[in-house]
Protein backbone atom coordinates (compact mmCIF):
# COMPACT_ATOMS: atom_id res chain seq x y z
CA MET A 1 -12.00 -31.29 -6.98
CA LYS A 2 -14.05 -30.44 -10.14
CA ALA A 3 -16.45 -28.51 -8.07
CA ILE A 4 -13.67 -26.54 -6.30
CA HIS A 5 -12.20 -25.36 -9.64
CA VAL A 6 -15.60 -24.57 -10.76
CA LEU A 7 -16.13 -22.44 -7.61
CA THR A 8 -12.80 -20.98 -7.96
CA LEU A 9 -13.70 -19.67 -11.52
CA VAL A 10 -17.34 -18.23 -10.25
CA VAL A 11 -15.63 -16.41 -7.41
CA LEU A 12 -12.90 -15.05 -9.81
CA SER A 13 -15.41 -13.96 -12.30
CA LEU A 14 -17.43 -12.18 -9.88
CA THR A 15 -14.33 -10.46 -8.49
CA ILE A 16 -13.48 -9.37 -11.91
CA ALA A 17 -16.92 -8.32 -12.78
CA ALA A 18 -17.00 -6.24 -9.40
CA CYS A 19 -13.69 -4.48 -10.34
CA GLY A 20 -14.62 -4.09 -13.85
CA GLY A 21 -17.43 -1.14 -13.45
CA LYS A 22 -16.67 2.57 -13.29
CA LYS A 23 -16.07 4.05 -10.00
CA HIS A 24 -18.20 1.24 -8.45
CA GLU A 25 -17.21 2.28 -4.62
CA GLU A 26 -16.14 5.60 -3.24
CA GLY A 27 -12.10 5.93 -3.87
CA HIS A 28 -12.20 3.21 -6.37
CA ASP A 29 -11.69 3.85 -10.14
CA HIS A 30 -11.26 0.56 -11.91
CA GLU A 31 -11.55 1.64 -15.49
CA HIS A 32 -9.05 0.02 -17.76
CA GLY A 33 -7.46 0.14 -21.30
CA ALA A 34 -6.10 2.77 -23.54
CA GLU A 35 -9.50 5.07 -23.37
CA ALA A 36 -9.41 4.98 -19.58
CA SER A 37 -5.50 6.33 -19.61
CA GLY A 38 -5.98 8.90 -22.10
CA GLY A 39 -5.03 6.76 -24.69
CA ALA A 40 -1.64 6.12 -23.42
CA GLY A 41 -2.05 2.08 -23.78
CA ASP A 42 -1.95 -0.73 -21.30
CA TRP A 43 0.23 -1.16 -18.32
CA LYS A 44 0.14 -4.75 -18.21
CA GLU A 45 2.07 -5.09 -15.00
CA MET A 46 -0.51 -3.08 -13.06
CA ASP A 47 -3.22 -4.90 -14.70
CA SER A 48 -1.59 -8.32 -13.60
CA PHE A 49 -1.26 -7.00 -9.86
CA HIS A 50 -4.99 -5.61 -9.83
CA MET A 51 -6.12 -9.31 -10.74
CA ILE A 52 -4.53 -10.59 -7.76
CA MET A 53 -4.98 -7.71 -5.58
CA ALA A 54 -9.16 -7.74 -6.41
CA GLU A 55 -8.99 -11.63 -5.66
CA THR A 56 -7.38 -10.97 -2.28
CA PHE A 57 -8.80 -7.88 -0.99
CA HIS A 58 -12.41 -7.94 -2.06
CA PRO A 59 -13.29 -10.75 0.12
CA TYR A 60 -11.83 -9.18 2.99
CA LYS A 61 -13.74 -6.03 2.63
CA ASP A 62 -17.17 -7.40 1.60
CA SER A 63 -17.57 -10.10 4.15
CA ALA A 64 -14.01 -10.03 6.55
CA ASN A 65 -12.79 -13.10 4.61
CA LEU A 66 -8.98 -13.24 5.02
CA GLN A 67 -8.49 -16.67 3.65
CA PRO A 68 -7.84 -15.50 0.02
CA ALA A 69 -5.45 -12.81 1.31
CA LYS A 70 -3.68 -15.60 3.27
CA THR A 71 -3.68 -18.02 0.08
CA HIS A 72 -2.44 -15.34 -2.41
CA ALA A 73 0.07 -13.32 -0.15
CA GLU A 74 3.06 -14.65 -1.61
CA HIS A 75 1.84 -14.29 -5.20
CA LEU A 76 0.69 -10.74 -4.45
CA ALA A 77 4.35 -10.21 -3.00
CA MET A 78 6.05 -11.63 -6.22
CA GLU A 79 3.78 -9.64 -8.62
CA ALA A 80 4.61 -6.45 -7.06
CA ASP A 81 8.32 -7.34 -7.33
CA LYS A 82 8.02 -8.18 -10.98
CA TRP A 83 5.83 -4.56 -11.45
CA ALA A 84 8.62 -2.53 -9.54
CA SER A 85 11.19 -4.13 -11.59
CA SER A 86 9.29 -3.39 -14.80
CA THR A 87 10.18 -0.71 -17.14
CA LEU A 88 7.69 2.15 -16.53
CA PRO A 89 5.46 3.64 -19.31
CA GLU A 90 6.48 7.37 -19.78
CA LYS A 91 3.35 8.42 -18.16
CA VAL A 92 4.19 7.29 -15.09
CA ASN A 93 8.18 7.15 -15.26
CA ASN A 94 8.72 9.48 -12.44
CA ASP A 95 10.02 9.08 -8.93
CA ALA A 96 6.99 9.52 -7.17
CA THR A 97 5.77 6.28 -9.05
CA LYS A 98 8.96 4.45 -8.38
CA ALA A 99 8.89 5.07 -4.71
CA ASN A 100 5.30 3.92 -4.47
CA LEU A 101 6.12 0.71 -6.34
CA GLU A 102 9.01 0.10 -4.09
CA LYS A 103 6.57 0.78 -0.94
CA LEU A 104 4.26 -1.72 -2.62
CA LYS A 105 6.95 -4.27 -2.93
CA THR A 106 8.08 -3.66 0.52
CA GLY A 107 4.46 -3.81 1.87
CA THR A 108 3.19 -6.84 -0.01
CA ARG A 109 6.25 -8.77 1.39
CA ALA A 110 5.51 -7.76 4.98
CA LEU A 111 2.07 -8.93 3.91
CA ALA A 112 3.20 -12.35 2.80
CA ASP A 113 5.75 -12.37 6.06
CA LYS A 114 3.01 -11.81 8.31
CA VAL A 115 0.73 -14.74 6.73
CA LYS A 116 3.78 -17.07 6.78
CA ALA A 117 4.43 -16.22 10.82
CA GLY A 118 0.66 -16.70 11.60
CA ALA A 119 0.18 -13.29 12.77
CA PRO A 120 -3.26 -12.26 14.03
CA ASP A 121 -5.99 -11.59 11.53
CA GLU A 122 -5.92 -7.81 12.73
CA GLU A 123 -2.80 -7.41 11.54
CA ILE A 124 -3.06 -9.18 8.06
CA GLY A 125 -6.23 -7.05 7.57
CA THR A 126 -4.65 -3.89 8.36
CA GLN A 127 -1.49 -4.54 6.36
CA LEU A 128 -3.65 -5.83 3.40
CA THR A 129 -5.76 -2.55 3.72
CA ALA A 130 -2.48 -0.36 3.56
CA VAL A 131 -1.13 -2.31 0.59
CA HIS A 132 -4.61 -1.86 -1.37
CA ASP A 133 -4.46 1.82 -0.53
CA LEU A 134 -1.21 2.09 -1.79
CA PHE A 135 -2.04 0.43 -5.17
CA HIS A 136 -4.93 2.74 -5.63
CA GLN A 137 -2.54 5.54 -5.51
CA ILE A 138 -0.57 3.97 -8.06
CA GLN A 139 -3.49 3.16 -10.22
CA GLU A 140 -4.62 6.85 -9.80
CA SER A 141 -1.41 8.26 -11.35
CA TRP A 142 -1.86 6.02 -14.47
CA TYR A 143 -5.64 6.92 -14.87
CA GLY A 144 -5.42 10.68 -13.88
CA GLY A 145 -7.27 10.32 -10.72
CA HIS A 146 -10.69 11.02 -9.76
CA HIS A 147 -12.22 14.31 -11.29
């Protein structure tokens, strides 16, 4: 049992390290903190969601492993719900961000429901990718997009 906890910590650390770099993949901008957001401060709900998303999506993207998505789908939906219900920072307090957060909330709920219903892996993968892409749209509105 202790080995499982150690393995989980190692995987989580590697996942965080993989997402911590600047633009390590085409279409990804994972800079963090006030400097990256133009001094606007932190968006803790986004960071919290990002931690679960990274843990969920990267194993699928890197090796077609959907088990983390299946394990974390409900948690991802809960984080999206919390994020959509939170007070938005002024920089992103607009109709477009609010609409995208609602779509993220709906999309993550659909993902969790598909997992719960035992949907085929292809459906789960497609939904996970859609949710991930939407997350990055929201993240780009915070960081200012790609230059």
